[in-house]
Amino acid sequence: MTAEHGYAKFEHGFPLPAHASPAAIRTCLAESEVEQFDRDYAAALEGAHESLDLTGLYETLTRWRHTADRALLPDGRVPVRCVLLFGDEARLVTPWHLGRDLLRLPASVIARACDMPANELPGRYFTAAGTKDDLHDFRLVNDPRL
C-alpha cells in the first residue's frame, strides 16, 4: 500500500473505501473479536500519530475488514458485500462466496429490502439472514446517507 495525493491506495489502486471505517468493521465482528480489534485499532492510531504516516492504520483496517467479511455475526446474520453489478445481477462476497465464486442475486431484491437505488449497491456492506444458498432480509450496514 502506498500513499499518493493524500489517499491510501489498495492493490487495486482505489482509495480506502468509506465502508472500511472502523465503525463498519466493528459492527460486523464477532463479540469475541471486538476487544482485539479495539486494541489493534488504538495501537495503529497511536503509531500514525507518532509517525505521521497512515500506512499502518490502513493496513490494520484492511486486515480487520477482511476478517469482518468472513465472520458470521452472533445473531446468526451473515455479512455481505456487494462488489459489482452486472446488468440487474448483484455479485456478492459472503463467508461462503469468496474470490471468483461470488454469489449472484437480483440487485432489485437487495435494493428493495434496503430502500435504496440498485446502482448504489456496489461497494456497500450488508447483513442478511439465511443460508449459503438462500440469503434474504438484507440490511445496509453504516448507511452514509443518514
N, C-alpha and C. Protein backbone atom coordinates (compact mmCIF):
# COMPACT_ATOMS: atom_id res chain seq x y z
N MET A 1 0.85 -1.16 0.00
CA MET A 1 0.00 0.00 0.00
C MET A 1 0.90 1.23 0.00
N THR A 2 0.56 2.22 -0.78
CA THR A 2 1.35 3.44 -0.84
C THR A 2 0.46 4.65 -0.64
N ALA A 3 1.05 5.73 -0.15
CA ALA A 3 0.29 6.97 -0.02
C ALA A 3 0.54 7.80 -1.27
N GLU A 4 -0.51 8.32 -1.83
CA GLU A 4 -0.38 9.13 -3.03
C GLU A 4 -1.49 10.16 -3.03
N HIS A 5 -1.13 11.42 -3.09
CA HIS A 5 -2.10 12.51 -3.09
C HIS A 5 -3.05 12.45 -1.90
N GLY A 6 -2.54 12.02 -0.75
CA GLY A 6 -3.35 12.01 0.46
C GLY A 6 -4.28 10.83 0.61
N TYR A 7 -4.26 9.89 -0.30
CA TYR A 7 -5.13 8.71 -0.21
C TYR A 7 -4.28 7.46 -0.05
N ALA A 8 -4.75 6.53 0.75
CA ALA A 8 -4.10 5.22 0.81
C ALA A 8 -4.61 4.44 -0.39
N LYS A 9 -3.71 3.80 -1.10
CA LYS A 9 -4.13 3.06 -2.28
C LYS A 9 -4.00 1.57 -2.02
N PHE A 10 -5.07 0.85 -2.31
CA PHE A 10 -5.05 -0.60 -2.20
C PHE A 10 -4.36 -1.18 -3.42
N GLU A 11 -4.20 -2.50 -3.39
CA GLU A 11 -3.58 -3.18 -4.52
C GLU A 11 -4.32 -2.93 -5.83
N HIS A 12 -5.63 -2.64 -5.77
CA HIS A 12 -6.39 -2.36 -6.99
C HIS A 12 -6.32 -0.89 -7.38
N GLY A 13 -5.66 -0.05 -6.56
CA GLY A 13 -5.41 1.33 -6.94
C GLY A 13 -6.45 2.34 -6.50
N PHE A 14 -7.48 1.96 -5.78
CA PHE A 14 -8.50 2.90 -5.36
C PHE A 14 -8.27 3.34 -3.93
N PRO A 15 -8.75 4.53 -3.54
CA PRO A 15 -8.60 4.99 -2.16
C PRO A 15 -9.37 4.10 -1.19
N LEU A 16 -9.03 4.22 0.08
CA LEU A 16 -9.71 3.47 1.13
C LEU A 16 -11.20 3.76 1.08
N PRO A 17 -12.05 2.76 0.92
CA PRO A 17 -13.48 2.98 0.80
C PRO A 17 -14.13 3.33 2.13
N ALA A 18 -15.24 4.07 2.08
CA ALA A 18 -15.94 4.51 3.28
C ALA A 18 -16.45 3.34 4.10
N HIS A 19 -16.83 2.24 3.45
CA HIS A 19 -17.36 1.09 4.19
C HIS A 19 -16.28 0.37 4.99
N ALA A 20 -15.04 0.79 4.86
CA ALA A 20 -13.96 0.20 5.65
C ALA A 20 -13.71 1.02 6.91
N SER A 21 -14.65 1.86 7.30
CA SER A 21 -14.49 2.66 8.51
C SER A 21 -14.42 1.74 9.72
N PRO A 22 -13.76 2.18 10.78
CA PRO A 22 -13.70 1.35 11.99
C PRO A 22 -15.09 0.97 12.50
N ALA A 23 -16.05 1.89 12.42
CA ALA A 23 -17.41 1.59 12.90
C ALA A 23 -18.05 0.47 12.08
N ALA A 24 -17.89 0.52 10.75
CA ALA A 24 -18.48 -0.52 9.89
C ALA A 24 -17.82 -1.87 10.15
N ILE A 25 -16.51 -1.87 10.31
CA ILE A 25 -15.79 -3.12 10.57
C ILE A 25 -16.22 -3.70 11.91
N ARG A 26 -16.25 -2.86 12.93
CA ARG A 26 -16.60 -3.30 14.30
C ARG A 26 -18.00 -3.90 14.34
N THR A 27 -18.93 -3.34 13.58
CA THR A 27 -20.30 -3.83 13.53
C THR A 27 -20.36 -5.28 13.06
N CYS A 28 -19.47 -5.66 12.16
CA CYS A 28 -19.50 -6.99 11.55
C CYS A 28 -18.71 -8.04 12.31
N LEU A 29 -17.94 -7.63 13.31
CA LEU A 29 -17.10 -8.59 14.03
C LEU A 29 -17.88 -9.38 15.06
N ALA A 30 -17.40 -10.58 15.32
CA ALA A 30 -17.96 -11.40 16.41
C ALA A 30 -17.60 -10.73 17.73
N GLU A 31 -18.43 -10.93 18.72
CA GLU A 31 -18.22 -10.30 20.03
C GLU A 31 -16.84 -10.63 20.59
N SER A 32 -16.36 -11.83 20.36
CA SER A 32 -15.05 -12.25 20.87
C SER A 32 -13.90 -11.53 20.17
N GLU A 33 -14.13 -10.93 19.01
CA GLU A 33 -13.07 -10.25 18.26
C GLU A 33 -13.03 -8.75 18.48
N VAL A 34 -14.09 -8.19 19.03
CA VAL A 34 -14.20 -6.73 19.16
C VAL A 34 -13.09 -6.16 20.05
N GLU A 35 -12.80 -6.81 21.17
CA GLU A 35 -11.77 -6.31 22.08
C GLU A 35 -10.40 -6.27 21.41
N GLN A 36 -10.05 -7.32 20.66
CA GLN A 36 -8.77 -7.34 19.95
C GLN A 36 -8.74 -6.27 18.87
N PHE A 37 -9.85 -6.09 18.15
CA PHE A 37 -9.92 -5.03 17.15
C PHE A 37 -9.68 -3.67 17.79
N ASP A 38 -10.34 -3.41 18.93
CA ASP A 38 -10.17 -2.13 19.62
C ASP A 38 -8.71 -1.90 19.99
N ARG A 39 -8.03 -2.94 20.48
CA ARG A 39 -6.60 -2.81 20.84
C ARG A 39 -5.75 -2.53 19.60
N ASP A 40 -5.97 -3.31 18.54
CA ASP A 40 -5.19 -3.12 17.31
C ASP A 40 -5.43 -1.74 16.71
N TYR A 41 -6.68 -1.31 16.70
CA TYR A 41 -7.02 0.00 16.14
C TYR A 41 -6.38 1.12 16.96
N ALA A 42 -6.46 1.03 18.29
CA ALA A 42 -5.85 2.05 19.16
C ALA A 42 -4.34 2.11 18.94
N ALA A 43 -3.70 0.95 18.83
CA ALA A 43 -2.25 0.91 18.59
C ALA A 43 -1.91 1.51 17.23
N ALA A 44 -2.72 1.23 16.22
CA ALA A 44 -2.47 1.78 14.88
C ALA A 44 -2.67 3.30 14.88
N LEU A 45 -3.67 3.78 15.60
CA LEU A 45 -3.88 5.23 15.70
C LEU A 45 -2.70 5.90 16.39
N GLU A 46 -2.23 5.30 17.47
CA GLU A 46 -1.09 5.85 18.19
C GLU A 46 0.15 5.87 17.30
N GLY A 47 0.37 4.77 16.56
CA GLY A 47 1.50 4.71 15.64
C GLY A 47 1.42 5.77 14.55
N ALA A 48 0.22 5.98 14.03
CA ALA A 48 0.02 7.00 12.99
C ALA A 48 0.26 8.40 13.55
N HIS A 49 -0.16 8.61 14.79
CA HIS A 49 0.03 9.91 15.43
C HIS A 49 1.52 10.21 15.62
N GLU A 50 2.27 9.19 16.06
CA GLU A 50 3.70 9.38 16.32
C GLU A 50 4.51 9.51 15.03
N SER A 51 4.17 8.72 14.02
CA SER A 51 4.98 8.70 12.80
C SER A 51 4.48 9.65 11.71
N LEU A 52 3.25 10.15 11.88
CA LEU A 52 2.60 10.97 10.85
C LEU A 52 2.48 10.21 9.53
N ASP A 53 2.33 8.89 9.63
CA ASP A 53 2.18 8.02 8.46
C ASP A 53 0.95 7.13 8.69
N LEU A 54 0.02 7.17 7.76
CA LEU A 54 -1.23 6.42 7.90
C LEU A 54 -1.16 4.99 7.36
N THR A 55 -0.04 4.60 6.82
CA THR A 55 0.07 3.27 6.20
C THR A 55 -0.29 2.16 7.18
N GLY A 56 0.26 2.19 8.38
CA GLY A 56 -0.03 1.16 9.37
C GLY A 56 -1.50 1.11 9.76
N LEU A 57 -2.11 2.28 9.86
CA LEU A 57 -3.54 2.35 10.18
C LEU A 57 -4.37 1.72 9.07
N TYR A 58 -4.06 2.05 7.82
CA TYR A 58 -4.80 1.48 6.69
C TYR A 58 -4.60 -0.04 6.61
N GLU A 59 -3.38 -0.49 6.88
CA GLU A 59 -3.13 -1.94 6.85
C GLU A 59 -3.92 -2.65 7.94
N THR A 60 -4.00 -2.05 9.13
CA THR A 60 -4.78 -2.64 10.22
C THR A 60 -6.25 -2.71 9.85
N LEU A 61 -6.79 -1.62 9.31
CA LEU A 61 -8.21 -1.61 8.91
C LEU A 61 -8.48 -2.60 7.79
N THR A 62 -7.57 -2.72 6.84
CA THR A 62 -7.74 -3.67 5.74
C THR A 62 -7.75 -5.11 6.27
N ARG A 63 -6.82 -5.43 7.15
CA ARG A 63 -6.76 -6.78 7.72
C ARG A 63 -8.06 -7.11 8.47
N TRP A 64 -8.54 -6.17 9.27
CA TRP A 64 -9.77 -6.41 10.03
C TRP A 64 -11.00 -6.39 9.13
N ARG A 65 -10.96 -5.62 8.05
CA ARG A 65 -12.09 -5.62 7.11
C ARG A 65 -12.25 -7.00 6.49
N HIS A 66 -11.13 -7.64 6.16
CA HIS A 66 -11.20 -8.99 5.60
C HIS A 66 -11.69 -9.99 6.64
N THR A 67 -11.30 -9.81 7.90
CA THR A 67 -11.81 -10.67 8.97
C THR A 67 -13.31 -10.49 9.11
N ALA A 68 -13.76 -9.24 9.10
CA ALA A 68 -15.19 -8.96 9.24
C ALA A 68 -15.98 -9.53 8.07
N ASP A 69 -15.41 -9.50 6.88
CA ASP A 69 -16.09 -10.05 5.70
C ASP A 69 -16.41 -11.53 5.85
N ARG A 70 -15.58 -12.24 6.60
CA ARG A 70 -15.71 -13.69 6.68
C ARG A 70 -16.38 -14.18 7.96
N ALA A 71 -16.79 -13.26 8.81
CA ALA A 71 -17.34 -13.65 10.11
C ALA A 71 -18.86 -13.76 10.07
N LEU A 72 -19.38 -14.81 10.69
CA LEU A 72 -20.82 -14.89 10.92
C LEU A 72 -21.12 -14.09 12.17
N LEU A 73 -22.17 -13.33 12.16
CA LEU A 73 -22.50 -12.48 13.30
C LEU A 73 -23.17 -13.29 14.40
N PRO A 74 -23.05 -12.84 15.66
CA PRO A 74 -23.61 -13.59 16.78
C PRO A 74 -25.11 -13.85 16.67
N ASP A 75 -25.84 -12.95 16.02
CA ASP A 75 -27.29 -13.14 15.89
C ASP A 75 -27.64 -14.07 14.72
N GLY A 76 -26.62 -14.67 14.10
CA GLY A 76 -26.87 -15.60 13.01
C GLY A 76 -26.94 -14.94 11.64
N ARG A 77 -26.85 -13.61 11.61
CA ARG A 77 -26.86 -12.91 10.33
C ARG A 77 -25.50 -13.07 9.65
N VAL A 78 -25.48 -12.84 8.37
CA VAL A 78 -24.30 -13.06 7.56
C VAL A 78 -23.83 -11.72 7.00
N PRO A 79 -22.53 -11.39 7.11
CA PRO A 79 -22.03 -10.18 6.46
C PRO A 79 -21.96 -10.40 4.95
N VAL A 80 -22.37 -9.40 4.21
CA VAL A 80 -22.42 -9.48 2.75
C VAL A 80 -21.85 -8.18 2.19
N ARG A 81 -21.06 -8.28 1.13
CA ARG A 81 -20.56 -7.09 0.46
C ARG A 81 -20.88 -7.21 -1.02
N CYS A 82 -21.49 -6.19 -1.56
CA CYS A 82 -21.77 -6.15 -3.00
C CYS A 82 -20.53 -5.57 -3.68
N VAL A 83 -19.91 -6.36 -4.55
CA VAL A 83 -18.70 -5.88 -5.21
C VAL A 83 -18.95 -5.30 -6.59
N LEU A 84 -20.03 -5.72 -7.26
CA LEU A 84 -20.34 -5.13 -8.55
C LEU A 84 -21.74 -5.53 -9.00
N LEU A 85 -22.22 -4.79 -9.98
CA LEU A 85 -23.48 -5.13 -10.65
C LEU A 85 -23.15 -5.55 -12.06
N PHE A 86 -23.84 -6.56 -12.53
CA PHE A 86 -23.71 -7.00 -13.92
C PHE A 86 -25.12 -7.08 -14.45
N GLY A 87 -25.55 -6.04 -15.15
CA GLY A 87 -26.96 -5.94 -15.53
C GLY A 87 -27.77 -5.72 -14.27
N ASP A 88 -28.79 -6.54 -14.05
CA ASP A 88 -29.59 -6.44 -12.83
C ASP A 88 -29.14 -7.47 -11.80
N GLU A 89 -27.96 -8.01 -11.98
CA GLU A 89 -27.47 -9.04 -11.08
C GLU A 89 -26.37 -8.47 -10.19
N ALA A 90 -26.53 -8.62 -8.87
CA ALA A 90 -25.51 -8.19 -7.92
C ALA A 90 -24.56 -9.35 -7.66
N ARG A 91 -23.27 -9.07 -7.64
CA ARG A 91 -22.25 -10.07 -7.31
C ARG A 91 -21.82 -9.77 -5.88
N LEU A 92 -21.96 -10.79 -5.00
CA LEU A 92 -21.80 -10.59 -3.57
C LEU A 92 -20.71 -11.47 -2.97
N VAL A 93 -19.95 -10.91 -2.03
CA VAL A 93 -19.00 -11.66 -1.22
C VAL A 93 -19.69 -11.98 0.10
N THR A 94 -19.67 -13.25 0.48
CA THR A 94 -20.19 -13.71 1.76
C THR A 94 -19.13 -14.63 2.37
N PRO A 95 -19.32 -15.10 3.60
CA PRO A 95 -18.34 -16.05 4.14
C PRO A 95 -18.19 -17.32 3.30
N TRP A 96 -19.19 -17.65 2.51
CA TRP A 96 -19.15 -18.86 1.68
C TRP A 96 -18.78 -18.58 0.23
N HIS A 97 -18.82 -17.34 -0.17
CA HIS A 97 -18.61 -16.95 -1.57
C HIS A 97 -17.47 -15.94 -1.64
N LEU A 98 -16.27 -16.43 -1.95
CA LEU A 98 -15.07 -15.60 -1.98
C LEU A 98 -14.38 -15.73 -3.33
N GLY A 99 -13.52 -14.80 -3.63
CA GLY A 99 -12.74 -14.87 -4.86
C GLY A 99 -13.60 -14.86 -6.10
N ARG A 100 -13.44 -15.86 -6.94
CA ARG A 100 -14.20 -15.94 -8.19
C ARG A 100 -15.57 -16.58 -8.00
N ASP A 101 -15.81 -17.14 -6.84
CA ASP A 101 -17.07 -17.83 -6.56
C ASP A 101 -18.06 -16.90 -5.85
N LEU A 102 -18.42 -15.79 -6.49
CA LEU A 102 -19.31 -14.80 -5.88
C LEU A 102 -20.76 -15.24 -5.99
N LEU A 103 -21.54 -14.88 -4.98
CA LEU A 103 -22.98 -15.15 -5.00
C LEU A 103 -23.63 -14.17 -5.96
N ARG A 104 -24.58 -14.66 -6.73
CA ARG A 104 -25.30 -13.82 -7.70
C ARG A 104 -26.77 -13.78 -7.31
N LEU A 105 -27.26 -12.55 -7.07
CA LEU A 105 -28.67 -12.34 -6.73
C LEU A 105 -29.20 -11.15 -7.50
N PRO A 106 -30.51 -11.09 -7.73
CA PRO A 106 -31.08 -9.90 -8.37
C PRO A 106 -30.83 -8.66 -7.51
N ALA A 107 -30.26 -7.63 -8.10
CA ALA A 107 -29.97 -6.39 -7.37
C ALA A 107 -31.25 -5.78 -6.82
N SER A 108 -32.35 -5.95 -7.53
CA SER A 108 -33.62 -5.35 -7.10
C SER A 108 -34.08 -5.90 -5.75
N VAL A 109 -33.77 -7.16 -5.45
CA VAL A 109 -34.17 -7.76 -4.17
C VAL A 109 -33.46 -7.05 -3.01
N ILE A 110 -32.16 -6.83 -3.15
CA ILE A 110 -31.38 -6.17 -2.10
C ILE A 110 -31.77 -4.69 -2.01
N ALA A 111 -31.89 -4.03 -3.15
CA ALA A 111 -32.23 -2.61 -3.18
C ALA A 111 -33.58 -2.35 -2.52
N ARG A 112 -34.55 -3.19 -2.82
CA ARG A 112 -35.89 -3.02 -2.24
C ARG A 112 -35.84 -3.22 -0.72
N ALA A 113 -35.12 -4.23 -0.27
CA ALA A 113 -35.03 -4.52 1.17
C ALA A 113 -34.36 -3.38 1.94
N CYS A 114 -33.43 -2.68 1.28
CA CYS A 114 -32.67 -1.60 1.94
C CYS A 114 -33.16 -0.21 1.57
N ASP A 115 -34.21 -0.14 0.77
CA ASP A 115 -34.79 1.14 0.36
C ASP A 115 -33.74 2.07 -0.24
N MET A 116 -33.06 1.56 -1.26
CA MET A 116 -32.03 2.35 -1.93
C MET A 116 -31.99 1.97 -3.41
N PRO A 117 -31.48 2.86 -4.26
CA PRO A 117 -31.37 2.53 -5.68
C PRO A 117 -30.37 1.39 -5.91
N ALA A 118 -30.67 0.53 -6.84
CA ALA A 118 -29.80 -0.62 -7.12
C ALA A 118 -28.40 -0.17 -7.55
N ASN A 119 -28.30 0.95 -8.25
CA ASN A 119 -26.98 1.40 -8.72
C ASN A 119 -26.07 1.86 -7.58
N GLU A 120 -26.60 1.98 -6.36
CA GLU A 120 -25.78 2.35 -5.20
C GLU A 120 -25.31 1.14 -4.39
N LEU A 121 -25.63 -0.06 -4.83
CA LEU A 121 -25.25 -1.27 -4.08
C LEU A 121 -23.75 -1.57 -4.10
N PRO A 122 -23.05 -1.44 -5.23
CA PRO A 122 -21.63 -1.83 -5.25
C PRO A 122 -20.81 -1.07 -4.22
N GLY A 123 -19.96 -1.84 -3.51
CA GLY A 123 -19.09 -1.26 -2.51
C GLY A 123 -19.70 -1.18 -1.13
N ARG A 124 -20.98 -1.49 -1.01
CA ARG A 124 -21.66 -1.38 0.28
C ARG A 124 -21.64 -2.71 1.03
N TYR A 125 -21.69 -2.59 2.35
CA TYR A 125 -21.78 -3.75 3.24
C TYR A 125 -23.21 -3.91 3.73
N PHE A 126 -23.64 -5.16 3.83
CA PHE A 126 -24.98 -5.50 4.30
C PHE A 126 -24.86 -6.66 5.28
N THR A 127 -25.95 -6.91 5.99
CA THR A 127 -26.09 -8.19 6.68
C THR A 127 -27.35 -8.83 6.11
N ALA A 128 -27.41 -10.14 6.19
CA ALA A 128 -28.56 -10.87 5.66
C ALA A 128 -28.82 -12.08 6.54
N ALA A 129 -30.04 -12.56 6.50
CA ALA A 129 -30.41 -13.80 7.18
C ALA A 129 -30.41 -14.91 6.15
N GLY A 130 -30.26 -16.13 6.62
CA GLY A 130 -30.37 -17.25 5.70
C GLY A 130 -29.15 -18.14 5.69
N THR A 131 -29.07 -18.93 4.64
CA THR A 131 -28.01 -19.91 4.49
C THR A 131 -27.19 -19.60 3.24
N LYS A 132 -26.22 -20.44 2.96
CA LYS A 132 -25.33 -20.25 1.82
C LYS A 132 -26.08 -19.99 0.51
N ASP A 133 -27.15 -20.73 0.28
CA ASP A 133 -27.85 -20.63 -0.99
C ASP A 133 -29.17 -19.87 -0.93
N ASP A 134 -29.51 -19.34 0.25
CA ASP A 134 -30.81 -18.66 0.39
C ASP A 134 -30.69 -17.48 1.35
N LEU A 135 -30.08 -16.38 0.89
CA LEU A 135 -29.97 -15.18 1.71
C LEU A 135 -31.17 -14.27 1.46
N HIS A 136 -31.64 -13.64 2.53
CA HIS A 136 -32.80 -12.74 2.44
C HIS A 136 -32.74 -11.76 3.59
N ASP A 137 -33.70 -10.85 3.69
CA ASP A 137 -33.77 -9.86 4.77
C ASP A 137 -32.47 -9.05 4.85
N PHE A 138 -32.09 -8.42 3.75
CA PHE A 138 -30.87 -7.63 3.69
C PHE A 138 -31.03 -6.33 4.47
N ARG A 139 -29.96 -5.95 5.18
CA ARG A 139 -29.91 -4.68 5.91
C ARG A 139 -28.59 -3.99 5.60
N LEU A 140 -28.67 -2.71 5.28
CA LEU A 140 -27.47 -1.94 4.98
C LEU A 140 -26.72 -1.65 6.27
N VAL A 141 -25.40 -1.83 6.25
CA VAL A 141 -24.55 -1.53 7.41
C VAL A 141 -23.95 -0.15 7.20
N ASN A 142 -24.04 0.69 8.22
CA ASN A 142 -23.38 2.00 8.19
C ASN A 142 -23.82 2.84 6.99
N ASP A 143 -25.09 3.18 6.92
CA ASP A 143 -25.66 3.92 5.80
C ASP A 143 -25.12 5.35 5.77
N PRO A 144 -24.30 5.72 4.77
CA PRO A 144 -23.73 7.07 4.71
C PRO A 144 -24.77 8.13 4.34
N ARG A 145 -25.96 7.71 3.94
CA ARG A 145 -26.99 8.68 3.56
C ARG A 145 -27.68 9.27 4.79
N LEU A 146 -27.46 8.68 5.96
CA LEU A 146 -28.14 9.15 7.18
C LEU A 146 -27.32 10.18 7.90
